[in-house]
Amino acid sequence: MLFRRMFLGGLVSVALLWVVSEVLAHGSLHRGAPPLKRQAIYRTAPRFALNTQEGEQLTLRDLRGKVVLVNFVYTSCPDVCPLATAKFRRLQHLLRARGLQGQVSLLSITTDPAIDTPSVLKEYGRRTGADFSFWTFLTGTSEQITQVWEGFGVVVVSRARGDVDHTSMTFLLDRTGRIRLIYLGYGWREEDMVAQMTTLLEEG
């Protein structure tokens, strides 16, 4: 019932509901990387105003004109989130090597806002080798963050001992803020993602 309420609240498409229900049907949301699924979606991403690792507000409108890749992680995650972060780190190197860093943005939105303050996110980004010029970590109040989860259709469940289960999804947005592809799991190749992002940049 939790994921149904969140999807309805976020007005997520039937296609996205099917993708996430697939991972829910396999038990734990967070332990073990699920097989890659890619779903083509064409809808406007939810609006948000969140705080960066620098404590500054960032909105999706601020990124208009850029291709944006969004994932959801938390800094104390012991298993899947480090994999997601490592893939973003390699992706940023590939994008920078192609001179694309000024045309794209990588966003990592926390699933644990009570712990992940801007300063915690900044230290996490430093530890993981993030280039803050185009890779931004975002947090906010519990209410703000919950609205973002619901808008994207990401299910988040807090567990005992600080663990947080959440759907492992990556969202690719075009220059106008529309979601174009959703990746379930972290089986996507960084080189393929660069190609997808380049294609969206060439759309103008």
C-alpha atoms as a PDB file:
ATOM      1  CA  MET A   1       0.000   0.000   0.000  1.00  0.00           C
ATOM      2  CA  LEU A   2       2.917   2.333   0.691  1.00  0.00           C
ATOM      3  CA  PHE A   3       4.237   2.338  -2.847  1.00  0.00           C
ATOM      4  CA  ARG A   4       0.741   2.657  -4.329  1.00  0.00           C
ATOM      5  CA  ARG A   5       0.001   5.780  -2.294  1.00  0.00           C
ATOM      6  CA  MET A   6       3.342   7.303  -3.222  1.00  0.00           C
ATOM      7  CA  PHE A   7       2.889   6.660  -6.926  1.00  0.00           C
ATOM      8  CA  LEU A   8      -0.637   8.011  -6.976  1.00  0.00           C
ATOM      9  CA  GLY A   9       0.467  11.052  -5.029  1.00  0.00           C
ATOM     10  CA  GLY A  10       3.217  11.701  -7.560  1.00  0.00           C
ATOM     11  CA  LEU A  11       0.997  11.060 -10.584  1.00  0.00           C
ATOM     12  CA  VAL A  12       3.512   8.586 -11.920  1.00  0.00           C
ATOM     13  CA  SER A  13       2.715   6.828 -15.196  1.00  0.00           C
ATOM     14  CA  VAL A  14       1.479   3.252 -15.403  1.00  0.00           C
ATOM     15  CA  ALA A  15       4.724   2.251 -17.051  1.00  0.00           C
ATOM     16  CA  LEU A  16       6.782   3.516 -14.127  1.00  0.00           C
ATOM     17  CA  LEU A  17       4.474   1.822 -11.647  1.00  0.00           C
ATOM     18  CA  TRP A  18       5.101  -1.482 -13.427  1.00  0.00           C
ATOM     19  CA  VAL A  19       8.862  -1.041 -13.299  1.00  0.00           C
ATOM     20  CA  VAL A  20       8.965  -0.318  -9.570  1.00  0.00           C
ATOM     21  CA  SER A  21       6.451  -3.015  -8.679  1.00  0.00           C
ATOM     22  CA  GLU A  22       8.833  -5.465 -10.346  1.00  0.00           C
ATOM     23  CA  VAL A  23      11.596  -4.690  -7.864  1.00  0.00           C
ATOM     24  CA  LEU A  24       9.170  -4.688  -4.931  1.00  0.00           C
ATOM     25  CA  ALA A  25       8.002  -8.144  -5.949  1.00  0.00           C
ATOM     26  CA  HIS A  26      11.523  -9.468  -5.413  1.00  0.00           C
ATOM     27  CA  GLY A  27      11.625  -8.609  -1.718  1.00  0.00           C
ATOM     28  CA  SER A  28      14.197  -6.182  -0.346  1.00  0.00           C
ATOM     29  CA  LEU A  29      14.467  -2.923  -2.241  1.00  0.00           C
ATOM     30  CA  HIS A  30      18.067  -2.300  -1.389  1.00  0.00           C
ATOM     31  CA  ARG A  31      20.173  -5.405  -0.974  1.00  0.00           C
ATOM     32  CA  GLY A  32      21.766  -6.684  -4.128  1.00  0.00           C
ATOM     33  CA  ALA A  33      21.683  -4.817  -7.437  1.00  0.00           C
ATOM     34  CA  PRO A  34      18.595  -5.844  -9.404  1.00  0.00           C
ATOM     35  CA  PRO A  35      18.935  -6.608 -13.097  1.00  0.00           C
ATOM     36  CA  LEU A  36      18.937  -3.570 -15.328  1.00  0.00           C
ATOM     37  CA  LYS A  37      15.644  -2.464 -16.787  1.00  0.00           C
ATOM     38  CA  ARG A  38      15.302   0.635 -18.941  1.00  0.00           C
ATOM     39  CA  GLN A  39      11.935   2.285 -19.443  1.00  0.00           C
ATOM     40  CA  ALA A  40      11.263   5.077 -21.916  1.00  0.00           C
ATOM     41  CA  ILE A  41       9.147   7.777 -20.271  1.00  0.00           C
ATOM     42  CA  TYR A  42       8.176  11.178 -21.599  1.00  0.00           C
ATOM     43  CA  ARG A  43       6.833  13.409 -18.860  1.00  0.00           C
ATOM     44  CA  THR A  44       7.863  16.509 -16.964  1.00  0.00           C
ATOM     45  CA  ALA A  45      10.038  15.880 -13.931  1.00  0.00           C
ATOM     46  CA  PRO A  46       8.644  17.050 -10.580  1.00  0.00           C
ATOM     47  CA  ARG A  47       9.581  20.555  -9.510  1.00  0.00           C
ATOM     48  CA  PHE A  48      11.737  20.918  -6.436  1.00  0.00           C
ATOM     49  CA  ALA A  49      13.707  23.434  -4.404  1.00  0.00           C
ATOM     50  CA  LEU A  50      16.361  21.682  -2.320  1.00  0.00           C
ATOM     51  CA  ASN A  51      19.627  22.560  -0.583  1.00  0.00           C
ATOM     52  CA  THR A  52      22.976  21.703  -2.117  1.00  0.00           C
ATOM     53  CA  GLN A  53      26.070  20.498  -0.271  1.00  0.00           C
ATOM     54  CA  GLU A  54      27.025  24.181  -0.089  1.00  0.00           C
ATOM     55  CA  GLY A  55      23.778  25.074   1.691  1.00  0.00           C
ATOM     56  CA  GLU A  56      22.462  26.930  -1.356  1.00  0.00           C
ATOM     57  CA  GLN A  57      19.022  26.407  -2.855  1.00  0.00           C
ATOM     58  CA  LEU A  58      18.779  24.670  -6.214  1.00  0.00           C
ATOM     59  CA  THR A  59      15.646  24.227  -8.310  1.00  0.00           C
ATOM     60  CA  LEU A  60      15.136  22.138 -11.389  1.00  0.00           C
ATOM     61  CA  ARG A  61      14.414  25.334 -13.295  1.00  0.00           C
ATOM     62  CA  ASP A  62      17.988  26.453 -12.552  1.00  0.00           C
ATOM     63  CA  LEU A  63      19.187  23.549 -14.713  1.00  0.00           C
ATOM     64  CA  ARG A  64      17.090  24.281 -17.797  1.00  0.00           C
ATOM     65  CA  GLY A  65      19.218  23.943 -20.904  1.00  0.00           C
ATOM     66  CA  LYS A  66      21.265  21.111 -19.405  1.00  0.00           C
ATOM     67  CA  VAL A  67      20.837  17.358 -19.619  1.00  0.00           C
ATOM     68  CA  VAL A  68      20.376  16.089 -16.061  1.00  0.00           C
ATOM     69  CA  LEU A  69      20.940  12.674 -14.517  1.00  0.00           C
ATOM     70  CA  VAL A  70      19.322  12.024 -11.117  1.00  0.00           C
ATOM     71  CA  ASN A  71      19.864   9.248  -8.606  1.00  0.00           C
ATOM     72  CA  PHE A  72      18.905   8.684  -4.955  1.00  0.00           C
ATOM     73  CA  VAL A  73      21.448   7.690  -2.301  1.00  0.00           C
ATOM     74  CA  TYR A  74      22.265   8.173   1.377  1.00  0.00           C
ATOM     75  CA  THR A  75      25.694   8.666   2.846  1.00  0.00           C
ATOM     76  CA  SER A  76      25.666   5.881   5.469  1.00  0.00           C
ATOM     77  CA  CYS A  77      24.468   3.242   2.996  1.00  0.00           C
ATOM     78  CA  PRO A  78      26.589   0.067   3.324  1.00  0.00           C
ATOM     79  CA  ASP A  79      25.894  -1.614   0.007  1.00  0.00           C
ATOM     80  CA  VAL A  80      24.125  -0.385  -3.138  1.00  0.00           C
ATOM     81  CA  CYS A  81      24.561   3.392  -2.801  1.00  0.00           C
ATOM     82  CA  PRO A  82      28.376   3.191  -2.999  1.00  0.00           C
ATOM     83  CA  LEU A  83      27.934   1.391  -6.324  1.00  0.00           C
ATOM     84  CA  ALA A  84      25.628   4.148  -7.585  1.00  0.00           C
ATOM     85  CA  THR A  85      28.091   6.790  -6.448  1.00  0.00           C
ATOM     86  CA  ALA A  86      31.031   4.991  -8.064  1.00  0.00           C
ATOM     87  CA  LYS A  87      29.160   4.887 -11.376  1.00  0.00           C
ATOM     88  CA  PHE A  88      28.473   8.634 -11.165  1.00  0.00           C
ATOM     89  CA  ARG A  89      32.161   9.235 -10.372  1.00  0.00           C
ATOM     90  CA  ARG A  90      33.282   7.319 -13.468  1.00  0.00           C
ATOM     91  CA  LEU A  91      30.580   9.008 -15.518  1.00  0.00           C
ATOM     92  CA  GLN A  92      31.780  12.466 -14.478  1.00  0.00           C
ATOM     93  CA  HIS A  93      35.301  11.584 -15.643  1.00  0.00           C
ATOM     94  CA  LEU A  94      33.994  10.493 -19.056  1.00  0.00           C
ATOM     95  CA  LEU A  95      31.837  13.598 -19.418  1.00  0.00           C
ATOM     96  CA  ARG A  96      34.722  15.862 -18.443  1.00  0.00           C
ATOM     97  CA  ALA A  97      37.036  14.102 -20.901  1.00  0.00           C
ATOM     98  CA  ARG A  98      34.557  14.943 -23.667  1.00  0.00           C
ATOM     99  CA  GLY A  99      34.228  18.546 -22.548  1.00  0.00           C
ATOM    100  CA  LEU A 100      30.557  18.134 -21.635  1.00  0.00           C
ATOM    101  CA  GLN A 101      30.714  19.185 -17.985  1.00  0.00           C
ATOM    102  CA  GLY A 102      29.219  22.606 -18.718  1.00  0.00           C
ATOM    103  CA  GLN A 103      26.215  21.127 -20.518  1.00  0.00           C
ATOM    104  CA  VAL A 104      25.167  18.417 -18.067  1.00  0.00           C
ATOM    105  CA  SER A 105      24.357  18.066 -14.391  1.00  0.00           C
ATOM    106  CA  LEU A 106      24.519  15.058 -12.078  1.00  0.00           C
ATOM    107  CA  LEU A 107      22.197  15.150  -9.064  1.00  0.00           C
ATOM    108  CA  SER A 108      22.317  12.813  -6.073  1.00  0.00           C
ATOM    109  CA  ILE A 109      19.275  13.310  -3.829  1.00  0.00           C
ATOM    110  CA  THR A 110      19.378  11.901  -0.311  1.00  0.00           C
ATOM    111  CA  THR A 111      16.981   9.284   0.994  1.00  0.00           C
ATOM    112  CA  ASP A 112      17.983  10.075   4.597  1.00  0.00           C
ATOM    113  CA  PRO A 113      17.483  13.823   5.143  1.00  0.00           C
ATOM    114  CA  ALA A 114      17.635  13.536   8.949  1.00  0.00           C
ATOM    115  CA  ILE A 115      21.323  12.558   8.694  1.00  0.00           C
ATOM    116  CA  ASP A 116      22.388  13.987   5.348  1.00  0.00           C
ATOM    117  CA  THR A 117      22.754  17.688   6.051  1.00  0.00           C
ATOM    118  CA  PRO A 118      24.595  19.885   3.528  1.00  0.00           C
ATOM    119  CA  SER A 119      27.851  19.535   5.464  1.00  0.00           C
ATOM    120  CA  VAL A 120      27.536  15.735   5.628  1.00  0.00           C
ATOM    121  CA  LEU A 121      26.833  15.609   1.898  1.00  0.00           C
ATOM    122  CA  LYS A 122      29.805  17.866   1.174  1.00  0.00           C
ATOM    123  CA  GLU A 123      32.172  15.627   3.096  1.00  0.00           C
ATOM    124  CA  TYR A 124      30.698  12.562   1.394  1.00  0.00           C
ATOM    125  CA  GLY A 125      31.187  14.180  -2.003  1.00  0.00           C
ATOM    126  CA  ARG A 126      34.792  15.032  -1.195  1.00  0.00           C
ATOM    127  CA  ARG A 127      35.481  11.475  -0.039  1.00  0.00           C
ATOM    128  CA  THR A 128      33.998  10.000  -3.181  1.00  0.00           C
ATOM    129  CA  GLY A 129      35.786  12.327  -5.593  1.00  0.00           C
ATOM    130  CA  ALA A 130      32.781  14.351  -6.746  1.00  0.00           C
ATOM    131  CA  ASP A 131      33.379  17.362  -8.987  1.00  0.00           C
ATOM    132  CA  PHE A 132      30.944  19.839  -7.424  1.00  0.00           C
ATOM    133  CA  SER A 133      31.012  22.019 -10.529  1.00  0.00           C
ATOM    134  CA  PHE A 134      28.504  19.676 -12.155  1.00  0.00           C
ATOM    135  CA  TRP A 135      27.749  16.942  -9.604  1.00  0.00           C
ATOM    136  CA  THR A 136      25.465  18.220  -6.849  1.00  0.00           C
ATOM    137  CA  PHE A 137      24.217  16.518  -3.678  1.00  0.00           C
ATOM    138  CA  LEU A 138      20.782  17.606  -2.481  1.00  0.00           C
ATOM    139  CA  THR A 139      18.871  17.511   0.786  1.00  0.00           C
ATOM    140  CA  GLY A 140      16.051  19.386   2.490  1.00  0.00           C
ATOM    141  CA  THR A 141      13.408  19.056   5.141  1.00  0.00           C
ATOM    142  CA  SER A 142      11.653  15.720   5.510  1.00  0.00           C
ATOM    143  CA  GLU A 143       8.550  17.212   3.883  1.00  0.00           C
ATOM    144  CA  GLN A 144      10.495  18.660   0.939  1.00  0.00           C
ATOM    145  CA  ILE A 145      12.408  15.456   0.312  1.00  0.00           C
ATOM    146  CA  THR A 146       9.321  13.257   0.629  1.00  0.00           C
ATOM    147  CA  GLN A 147       7.577  15.336  -2.044  1.00  0.00           C
ATOM    148  CA  VAL A 148      10.542  14.788  -4.362  1.00  0.00           C
ATOM    149  CA  TRP A 149      10.519  11.026  -3.750  1.00  0.00           C
ATOM    150  CA  GLU A 150       6.812  10.895  -4.469  1.00  0.00           C
ATOM    151  CA  GLY A 151       7.161  13.041  -7.567  1.00  0.00           C
ATOM    152  CA  PHE A 152       9.793  10.752  -9.052  1.00  0.00           C
ATOM    153  CA  GLY A 153       8.041   7.606  -7.830  1.00  0.00           C
ATOM    154  CA  VAL A 154      10.879   6.499  -5.558  1.00  0.00           C
ATOM    155  CA  VAL A 155       9.834   4.363  -2.589  1.00  0.00           C
ATOM    156  CA  VAL A 156      11.790   4.962   0.631  1.00  0.00           C
ATOM    157  CA  VAL A 157      11.390   2.855   3.779  1.00  0.00           C
ATOM    158  CA  SER A 158      13.437   3.522   6.930  1.00  0.00           C
ATOM    159  CA  ARG A 159      14.556   0.393   8.754  1.00  0.00           C
ATOM    160  CA  ALA A 160      16.149  -0.354  12.102  1.00  0.00           C
ATOM    161  CA  ARG A 161      19.755   0.639  12.839  1.00  0.00           C
ATOM    162  CA  GLY A 162      19.635   3.488  10.336  1.00  0.00           C
ATOM    163  CA  ASP A 163      19.219   1.382   7.186  1.00  0.00           C
ATOM    164  CA  VAL A 164      17.082   2.880   4.440  1.00  0.00           C
ATOM    165  CA  ASP A 165      15.516   0.738   1.730  1.00  0.00           C
ATOM    166  CA  HIS A 166      14.749   2.564  -1.498  1.00  0.00           C
ATOM    167  CA  THR A 167      14.179   1.741  -5.121  1.00  0.00           C
ATOM    168  CA  SER A 168      17.423   1.844  -7.112  1.00  0.00           C
ATOM    169  CA  MET A 169      16.512   4.139  -9.980  1.00  0.00           C
ATOM    170  CA  THR A 170      18.349   6.625 -12.202  1.00  0.00           C
ATOM    171  CA  PHE A 171      16.452   9.266 -14.178  1.00  0.00           C
ATOM    172  CA  LEU A 172      17.670  10.921 -17.376  1.00  0.00           C
ATOM    173  CA  LEU A 173      16.157  14.355 -18.080  1.00  0.00           C
ATOM    174  CA  ASP A 174      16.427  16.362 -21.273  1.00  0.00           C
ATOM    175  CA  ARG A 175      17.214  20.082 -21.569  1.00  0.00           C
ATOM    176  CA  THR A 176      13.589  21.066 -20.921  1.00  0.00           C
ATOM    177  CA  GLY A 177      13.251  19.076 -17.685  1.00  0.00           C
ATOM    178  CA  ARG A 178      11.362  16.123 -19.120  1.00  0.00           C
ATOM    179  CA  ILE A 179      12.145  12.591 -17.989  1.00  0.00           C
ATOM    180  CA  ARG A 180      13.228  10.626 -21.042  1.00  0.00           C
ATOM    181  CA  LEU A 181      14.646   7.392 -19.609  1.00  0.00           C
ATOM    182  CA  ILE A 182      14.428   5.592 -16.285  1.00  0.00           C
ATOM    183  CA  TYR A 183      16.992   2.952 -15.361  1.00  0.00           C
ATOM    184  CA  LEU A 184      16.130   0.417 -12.673  1.00  0.00           C
ATOM    185  CA  GLY A 185      19.277  -1.006 -11.111  1.00  0.00           C
ATOM    186  CA  TYR A 186      22.885  -0.100 -11.812  1.00  0.00           C
ATOM    187  CA  GLY A 187      23.670  -2.382 -14.720  1.00  0.00           C
ATOM    188  CA  TRP A 188      23.893   0.555 -17.141  1.00  0.00           C
ATOM    189  CA  ARG A 189      27.296   1.240 -18.679  1.00  0.00           C
ATOM    190  CA  GLU A 190      28.816   4.672 -18.201  1.00  0.00           C
ATOM    191  CA  GLU A 191      29.861   4.834 -21.853  1.00  0.00           C
ATOM    192  CA  ASP A 192      26.281   4.132 -22.936  1.00  0.00           C
ATOM    193  CA  MET A 193      24.984   6.810 -20.590  1.00  0.00           C
ATOM    194  CA  VAL A 194      27.373   9.349 -22.098  1.00  0.00           C
ATOM    195  CA  ALA A 195      25.999   8.423 -25.532  1.00  0.00           C
ATOM    196  CA  GLN A 196      22.412   8.867 -24.321  1.00  0.00           C
ATOM    197  CA  MET A 197      23.215  12.225 -22.769  1.00  0.00           C
ATOM    198  CA  THR A 198      25.012  13.354 -25.914  1.00  0.00           C
ATOM    199  CA  THR A 199      21.982  12.417 -28.009  1.00  0.00           C
ATOM    200  CA  LEU A 200      19.748  14.592 -25.810  1.00  0.00           C
ATOM    201  CA  LEU A 201      22.222  17.474 -26.027  1.00  0.00           C
ATOM    202  CA  GLU A 202      22.120  17.246 -29.818  1.00  0.00           C
ATOM    203  CA  GLU A 203      18.332  17.617 -29.778  1.00  0.00           C
ATOM    204  CA  GLY A 204      18.885  21.265 -28.933  1.00  0.00           C
END
